Protein backbone atom coordinates (compact mmCIF):
# COMPACT_ATOMS: atom_id res chain seq x y z
CA MET A 1 -21.65 27.07 9.52
CA ARG A 2 -19.35 29.14 7.31
CA VAL A 3 -17.50 26.72 5.00
CA LEU A 4 -14.70 27.20 2.49
CA VAL A 5 -14.93 24.76 -0.49
CA THR A 6 -11.80 24.63 -2.66
CA GLY A 7 -12.56 23.31 -6.23
CA VAL A 8 -16.19 24.52 -5.92
CA ALA A 9 -16.70 24.69 -9.66
CA GLY A 10 -15.76 21.06 -10.21
CA PHE A 11 -18.06 18.06 -10.41
CA ILE A 12 -18.03 17.11 -6.71
CA GLY A 13 -17.50 20.73 -5.48
CA SER A 14 -20.61 22.11 -7.26
CA HIS A 15 -22.82 19.39 -5.83
CA LEU A 16 -21.38 19.79 -2.35
CA GLY A 17 -21.86 23.65 -2.43
CA ALA A 18 -25.46 23.20 -3.40
CA ARG A 19 -26.07 20.68 -0.62
CA LEU A 20 -24.39 22.93 1.99
CA LEU A 21 -26.36 26.04 0.89
CA ASP A 22 -29.61 23.92 0.91
CA GLY A 23 -28.68 23.04 4.49
CA GLY A 24 -28.64 26.64 5.52
CA HIS A 25 -24.76 27.14 5.57
CA GLU A 26 -22.68 29.96 4.23
CA VAL A 27 -20.29 28.80 1.46
CA VAL A 28 -17.18 30.56 0.14
CA GLY A 29 -15.89 28.75 -3.12
CA LEU A 30 -12.42 28.90 -4.34
CA ASP A 31 -11.56 27.78 -7.89
CA SER A 32 -9.17 28.54 -10.78
CA PHE A 33 -11.27 27.09 -13.56
CA ASP A 34 -8.25 25.09 -14.54
CA GLU A 35 -8.54 23.81 -18.08
CA THR A 36 -6.25 20.65 -17.83
CA LEU A 37 -9.18 18.30 -18.27
CA TYR A 38 -12.02 20.42 -19.55
CA PRO A 39 -12.71 24.06 -20.64
CA ALA A 40 -13.43 26.91 -18.25
CA GLU A 41 -16.98 27.19 -19.74
CA LEU A 42 -17.94 23.85 -18.11
CA HIS A 43 -16.58 25.05 -14.72
CA ALA A 44 -18.86 28.12 -15.14
CA ARG A 45 -21.81 26.00 -15.95
CA ASN A 46 -21.26 23.82 -12.90
CA LEU A 47 -21.60 27.08 -10.75
CA GLU A 48 -24.87 28.16 -12.41
CA THR A 49 -26.80 26.23 -9.89
CA ILE A 50 -25.38 28.14 -6.83
CA GLY A 51 -23.60 31.23 -8.27
CA SER A 52 -26.47 33.64 -7.39
CA HIS A 53 -27.24 32.30 -4.05
CA ARG A 54 -27.24 35.00 -1.29
CA ARG A 55 -25.16 32.85 1.06
CA PHE A 56 -22.52 32.02 -1.60
CA GLU A 57 -19.31 33.97 -2.36
CA PHE A 58 -17.02 32.95 -5.11
CA VAL A 59 -13.20 33.55 -5.24
CA HIS A 60 -11.36 32.95 -8.42
CA GLY A 61 -7.85 31.94 -7.59
CA ASP A 62 -5.13 29.28 -7.80
CA LEU A 63 -3.98 27.08 -4.86
CA LEU A 64 -0.34 27.90 -5.69
CA ASP A 65 -1.04 31.58 -4.96
CA ALA A 66 -0.25 31.34 -1.24
CA PRO A 67 -1.06 35.11 -0.44
CA LEU A 68 -4.51 34.63 -2.14
CA VAL A 69 -5.13 31.42 -0.11
CA ASP A 70 -3.97 33.08 3.07
CA GLY A 71 -6.13 36.19 2.41
CA THR A 72 -9.26 34.06 1.67
CA LEU A 73 -8.90 32.24 4.92
CA ALA A 74 -8.19 35.37 6.74
CA GLN A 75 -11.20 37.23 5.54
CA GLY A 76 -13.65 35.84 8.05
CA ARG A 77 -14.43 33.05 10.54
CA PHE A 78 -14.49 29.67 8.91
CA ASP A 79 -15.85 26.62 10.84
CA VAL A 80 -14.32 24.13 8.27
CA VAL A 81 -12.41 23.89 4.97
CA VAL A 82 -13.44 21.15 2.48
CA HIS A 83 -10.33 20.84 0.25
CA LEU A 84 -11.47 19.33 -3.09
CA ALA A 85 -9.38 21.30 -5.52
CA ALA A 86 -6.68 19.19 -7.33
CA LEU A 87 -5.50 18.11 -10.71
CA ALA A 88 -7.30 14.89 -11.23
CA GLY A 89 -6.56 11.99 -13.65
CA VAL A 90 -4.24 9.03 -13.70
CA ARG A 91 -3.02 9.27 -17.32
CA PRO A 92 -2.35 13.03 -17.51
CA SER A 93 -0.41 12.76 -14.24
CA ILE A 94 2.03 10.35 -15.90
CA ALA A 95 2.58 12.85 -18.58
CA GLN A 96 2.85 15.85 -16.19
CA PRO A 97 4.10 14.57 -12.82
CA LYS A 98 5.79 17.80 -11.77
CA ARG A 99 2.82 19.89 -12.42
CA TYR A 100 0.74 17.43 -10.40
CA GLN A 101 3.04 17.52 -7.56
CA ARG A 102 2.97 21.27 -7.33
CA VAL A 103 -0.83 21.73 -7.56
CA ASN A 104 -1.85 18.69 -5.46
CA VAL A 105 0.99 18.64 -2.87
CA GLU A 106 2.20 22.23 -2.68
CA GLY A 107 -1.29 23.46 -3.07
CA THR A 108 -2.63 21.33 -0.15
CA LEU A 109 0.28 22.60 2.01
CA ASN A 110 -0.80 26.16 1.15
CA VAL A 111 -4.34 25.34 2.35
CA LEU A 112 -2.99 23.69 5.48
CA GLU A 113 -0.76 26.58 6.36
CA ALA A 114 -3.52 29.13 5.67
CA CYS A 115 -5.73 27.08 8.03
CA ARG A 116 -3.07 27.25 10.71
CA ALA A 117 -2.60 30.93 10.37
CA ALA A 118 -6.29 31.71 10.31
CA GLY A 119 -7.07 29.43 13.32
CA VAL A 120 -9.41 27.15 11.33
CA ALA A 121 -9.65 23.98 13.37
CA ARG A 122 -11.21 21.54 10.86
CA LEU A 123 -10.32 20.38 7.43
CA VAL A 124 -11.78 17.66 5.20
CA PHE A 125 -9.50 16.45 2.37
CA ALA A 126 -10.63 14.80 -0.81
CA SER A 127 -8.31 11.84 -1.32
CA SER A 128 -8.83 8.84 -3.70
CA SER A 129 -9.08 5.05 -3.83
CA SER A 130 -6.05 5.17 -6.16
CA VAL A 131 -3.80 5.37 -3.08
CA TYR A 132 -4.30 1.71 -2.66
CA GLY A 133 -2.39 0.96 -5.87
CA ALA A 134 -2.74 -2.19 -7.98
CA ARG A 135 -4.12 -4.49 -5.46
CA SER A 136 -6.21 -7.70 -6.25
CA GLU A 137 -7.50 -8.44 -2.73
CA VAL A 138 -10.78 -6.82 -2.10
CA PRO A 139 -12.40 -4.95 -0.34
CA PHE A 140 -9.85 -2.27 0.41
CA ARG A 141 -9.76 -1.24 3.98
CA GLU A 142 -8.46 1.99 5.46
CA ASP A 143 -5.71 0.10 7.39
CA ASP A 144 -4.42 -1.63 4.26
CA ALA A 145 -0.89 -0.49 3.16
CA ALA A 146 -1.07 2.48 0.83
CA ASP A 147 2.62 2.65 -0.04
CA ARG A 148 2.76 1.65 -3.72
CA PRO A 149 0.48 4.06 -5.65
CA ALA A 150 0.31 3.20 -9.32
CA SER A 151 0.47 6.80 -10.67
CA PRO A 152 1.79 10.21 -9.83
CA TYR A 153 -1.72 11.30 -9.21
CA ALA A 154 -2.15 8.59 -6.58
CA ALA A 155 1.10 9.43 -5.00
CA THR A 156 0.06 13.15 -4.64
CA LYS A 157 -3.04 12.13 -2.93
CA ARG A 158 -1.30 9.88 -0.47
CA ALA A 159 1.16 12.65 0.19
CA GLY A 160 -1.80 14.98 0.84
CA GLU A 161 -3.19 12.50 3.44
CA LEU A 162 0.22 12.31 5.23
CA PHE A 163 0.54 16.13 5.46
CA CYS A 164 -2.94 16.35 6.83
CA ALA A 165 -2.08 13.78 9.53
CA ASN A 166 1.20 15.83 10.18
CA TRP A 167 -0.64 18.97 10.70
CA SER A 168 -3.11 17.31 13.07
CA GLU A 169 -0.14 16.15 15.19
CA LEU A 170 1.87 19.30 14.95
CA TRP A 171 -0.92 22.00 15.22
CA GLY A 172 -4.02 20.28 16.37
CA ILE A 173 -6.00 20.84 13.27
CA ALA A 174 -8.74 18.07 12.98
CA THR A 175 -8.28 16.54 9.49
CA THR A 176 -10.27 13.85 7.72
CA ALA A 177 -9.15 12.24 4.46
CA LEU A 178 -11.90 10.82 2.32
CA ARG A 179 -10.88 8.13 -0.23
CA PHE A 180 -13.46 8.55 -2.99
CA PHE A 181 -14.13 5.52 -5.19
CA THR A 182 -14.90 6.39 -8.86
CA VAL A 183 -17.53 9.04 -8.61
CA TYR A 184 -20.11 9.61 -11.28
CA GLY A 185 -23.32 11.29 -11.86
CA PRO A 186 -24.74 14.51 -13.49
CA ARG A 187 -21.87 16.92 -14.36
CA GLN A 188 -19.18 14.25 -14.11
CA ARG A 189 -15.96 15.32 -15.65
CA PRO A 190 -16.10 14.66 -19.44
CA GLU A 191 -12.97 12.69 -19.69
CA MET A 192 -13.97 10.12 -17.15
CA ALA A 193 -15.09 6.64 -18.48
CA ILE A 194 -18.90 6.83 -17.91
CA HIS A 195 -19.24 10.31 -19.40
CA LYS A 196 -16.75 9.73 -22.24
CA PHE A 197 -18.36 6.36 -23.21
CA ALA A 198 -21.91 7.80 -23.11
CA ARG A 199 -20.93 10.61 -25.49
CA LEU A 200 -19.28 8.26 -27.81
CA ILE A 201 -22.25 5.94 -27.92
CA LEU A 202 -24.66 8.91 -28.46
CA ASP A 203 -22.47 10.23 -31.25
CA GLY A 204 -22.11 6.79 -32.90
CA LYS A 205 -18.37 6.97 -32.53
CA PRO A 206 -15.94 4.03 -31.65
CA LEU A 207 -15.46 3.42 -28.02
CA PRO A 208 -12.05 2.37 -26.87
CA LEU A 209 -12.24 -0.53 -24.38
CA PHE A 210 -8.97 -0.84 -22.59
CA GLY A 211 -8.06 -4.51 -22.03
CA ASP A 212 -10.60 -7.27 -22.16
CA GLY A 213 -13.37 -5.50 -20.26
CA SER A 214 -12.65 -7.43 -17.03
CA THR A 215 -11.23 -4.58 -15.02
CA ALA A 216 -13.72 -3.61 -12.28
CA ARG A 217 -14.61 -0.52 -10.42
CA ASP A 218 -16.52 0.52 -7.30
CA TYR A 219 -18.70 3.16 -9.02
CA THR A 220 -20.16 5.57 -6.49
CA PHE A 221 -23.10 7.92 -7.26
CA ILE A 222 -22.49 11.54 -6.56
CA ASP A 223 -25.36 11.84 -4.01
CA ASP A 224 -23.85 9.03 -1.84
CA ILE A 225 -20.42 10.83 -2.00
CA ILE A 226 -21.99 14.03 -0.90
CA ASP A 227 -23.73 12.27 2.03
CA GLY A 228 -20.36 11.05 3.21
CA VAL A 229 -18.65 14.42 2.87
CA VAL A 230 -21.35 16.19 4.85
CA ALA A 231 -21.23 13.55 7.47
CA ALA A 232 -17.48 13.87 7.70
CA ILE A 233 -17.77 17.67 8.17
CA ASP A 234 -19.93 16.97 11.20
CA VAL A 235 -17.41 14.54 12.90
CA THR A 236 -14.13 16.15 12.07
CA GLU A 237 -13.09 17.43 15.51
CA GLY A 238 -10.74 17.14 18.38
CA GLY A 239 -7.51 17.71 16.62
CA ARG A 240 -7.40 14.13 15.28
CA HIS A 241 -6.69 12.67 11.79
CA ARG A 242 -9.01 10.06 10.35
CA VAL A 243 -9.28 8.23 7.03
CA TYR A 244 -12.52 6.81 5.48
CA ASN A 245 -13.47 5.08 2.36
CA LEU A 246 -16.46 6.41 0.50
CA GLY A 247 -17.65 4.01 -2.09
CA GLY A 248 -20.55 1.86 -3.11
CA SER A 249 -18.90 -1.32 -1.78
CA ARG A 250 -19.82 -3.20 -5.03
CA THR A 251 -17.81 -3.71 -8.22
CA THR A 252 -19.01 -3.47 -11.93
CA THR A 253 -16.72 -4.58 -14.76
CA LEU A 254 -15.95 -2.33 -17.59
CA ALA A 255 -17.84 -4.75 -19.98
CA ARG A 256 -20.89 -4.63 -17.78
CA LEU A 257 -20.74 -0.84 -17.57
CA VAL A 258 -20.79 -0.60 -21.35
CA GLU A 259 -23.88 -2.81 -21.27
CA LEU A 260 -25.68 -0.58 -18.80
CA LEU A 261 -24.97 2.50 -20.90
CA GLU A 262 -26.33 0.81 -24.06
CA GLN A 263 -29.42 -0.21 -22.22
CA HIS A 264 -30.28 3.30 -20.81
CA LEU A 265 -29.11 5.29 -23.83
CA GLY A 266 -31.00 2.94 -26.19
CA ARG A 267 -28.08 2.59 -28.56
CA ARG A 268 -25.32 0.04 -29.34
CA ALA A 269 -21.74 0.73 -28.59
CA LEU A 270 -19.11 0.44 -31.33
CA VAL A 271 -16.47 -1.13 -29.19
CA GLU A 272 -12.84 -1.12 -30.10
CA LYS A 273 -10.60 -3.11 -27.73
CA THR A 274 -7.18 -1.74 -27.03
CA ALA A 275 -4.23 -2.22 -24.80
CA GLU A 276 -4.44 -1.64 -21.09
CA GLN A 277 -3.11 1.73 -20.03
CA PRO A 278 -0.23 2.56 -17.70
CA GLY A 279 -1.39 3.42 -14.17
CA ASP A 280 -4.56 1.61 -14.46
CA VAL A 281 -5.50 -0.91 -11.66
CA PRO A 282 -7.40 -4.18 -12.08
CA ILE A 283 -10.06 -3.53 -9.48
CA THR A 284 -11.30 -1.24 -6.71
CA CYS A 285 -13.81 -2.06 -3.98
CA ALA A 286 -14.42 -0.15 -0.75
CA SER A 287 -15.00 -1.49 2.67
CA VAL A 288 -17.25 1.12 4.17
CA GLU A 289 -17.45 -0.49 7.69
CA ARG A 290 -15.59 2.28 9.30
CA ALA A 291 -17.48 4.95 7.50
CA ALA A 292 -20.83 3.30 8.48
CA ARG A 293 -19.86 3.03 11.98
CA GLU A 294 -18.42 6.49 12.49
CA LEU A 295 -20.16 8.51 9.99
CA GLY A 296 -23.41 6.80 9.54
CA TYR A 297 -22.56 6.38 5.85
CA ALA A 298 -24.76 4.07 3.93
CA PRO A 299 -24.65 4.19 0.03
CA LYS A 300 -28.15 4.13 -1.28
CA ILE A 301 -27.93 4.33 -5.19
CA PRO A 302 -26.94 1.08 -6.92
CA VAL A 303 -25.00 1.30 -10.16
CA GLU A 304 -28.12 0.32 -12.18
CA GLU A 305 -30.11 3.21 -10.98
CA GLY A 306 -27.14 5.58 -11.02
CA ILE A 307 -26.44 4.84 -14.63
CA ALA A 308 -30.02 5.36 -15.45
CA ARG A 309 -29.97 8.80 -13.79
CA PHE A 310 -26.83 9.73 -15.45
CA CYS A 311 -28.04 8.71 -18.93
CA ALA A 312 -31.27 10.73 -18.45
CA TRP A 313 -29.11 13.75 -17.61
CA ILE A 314 -26.65 13.39 -20.52
CA LYS A 315 -29.52 12.78 -23.06
CA ALA A 316 -31.33 16.01 -21.80
CA GLU A 317 -27.92 17.83 -22.06
CA SER A 318 -27.25 16.59 -25.55
CA GLY A 319 -30.87 16.80 -26.89
CA ALA A 320 -30.78 13.06 -27.65
């Protein structure tokens, strides 16, 4: 296949690009190297694993540049678009809601419209477990209400899902929205909890623990997420819209996460408890029954193994 991956220089995008290239596909990657969450140099490093591959082409550009997005899609036949590019992060979205709306909603519309104009029949959209809001009943199922997102970021992801469904109905573009549950692993974004906490532990600096440590997340290793994305590419067809959870279907408390990091880094954390943050939710946990049935999705990496792999990577990166 010939695949366009937006956000190819990000954490998930760079892993997906590598998997697709290993599978014999052609990949065109679009990325702006946005520095909202981390510097452009880290985006460039993410691309090192695939940048010189003969079946990879990189396009530096912004989702809000509609002519560029249109031109990229029009340059050649694409079998599918995987739309990963977005501004991520709950807390920065509260500080910059208008910017998040522009990039995540208008940018997604630009991609959808470019697909329509170029005759691209399939699109896979990266959504988020945050669309479920501050629910306490678990596991989360795709048919659960997703009408009270707890942050502007979550609201933009839900809006993206709805526009994908709309373009399926109006124009017959097959769209699949994948609700990712707290993805981690090598090259994870540095501001995310696992990466941030590991750096602080290695540096012997205080680790801010929001709340009492009882909040829980469905941490999902990157390899499992990529398995689900690739499977979704294969089943996205027929002009229909589908939604799938991709998670580990198991929760880990914040306190337990710190314990696992201490164990595999071989150092104690200097924990400083602080107030819970606006936009945070108490728990996330994915039901993956639909994804198992329709995608053959089966997460394989338990959090204990995943954290061990991540810690091995970050120790090698930091020379610890």
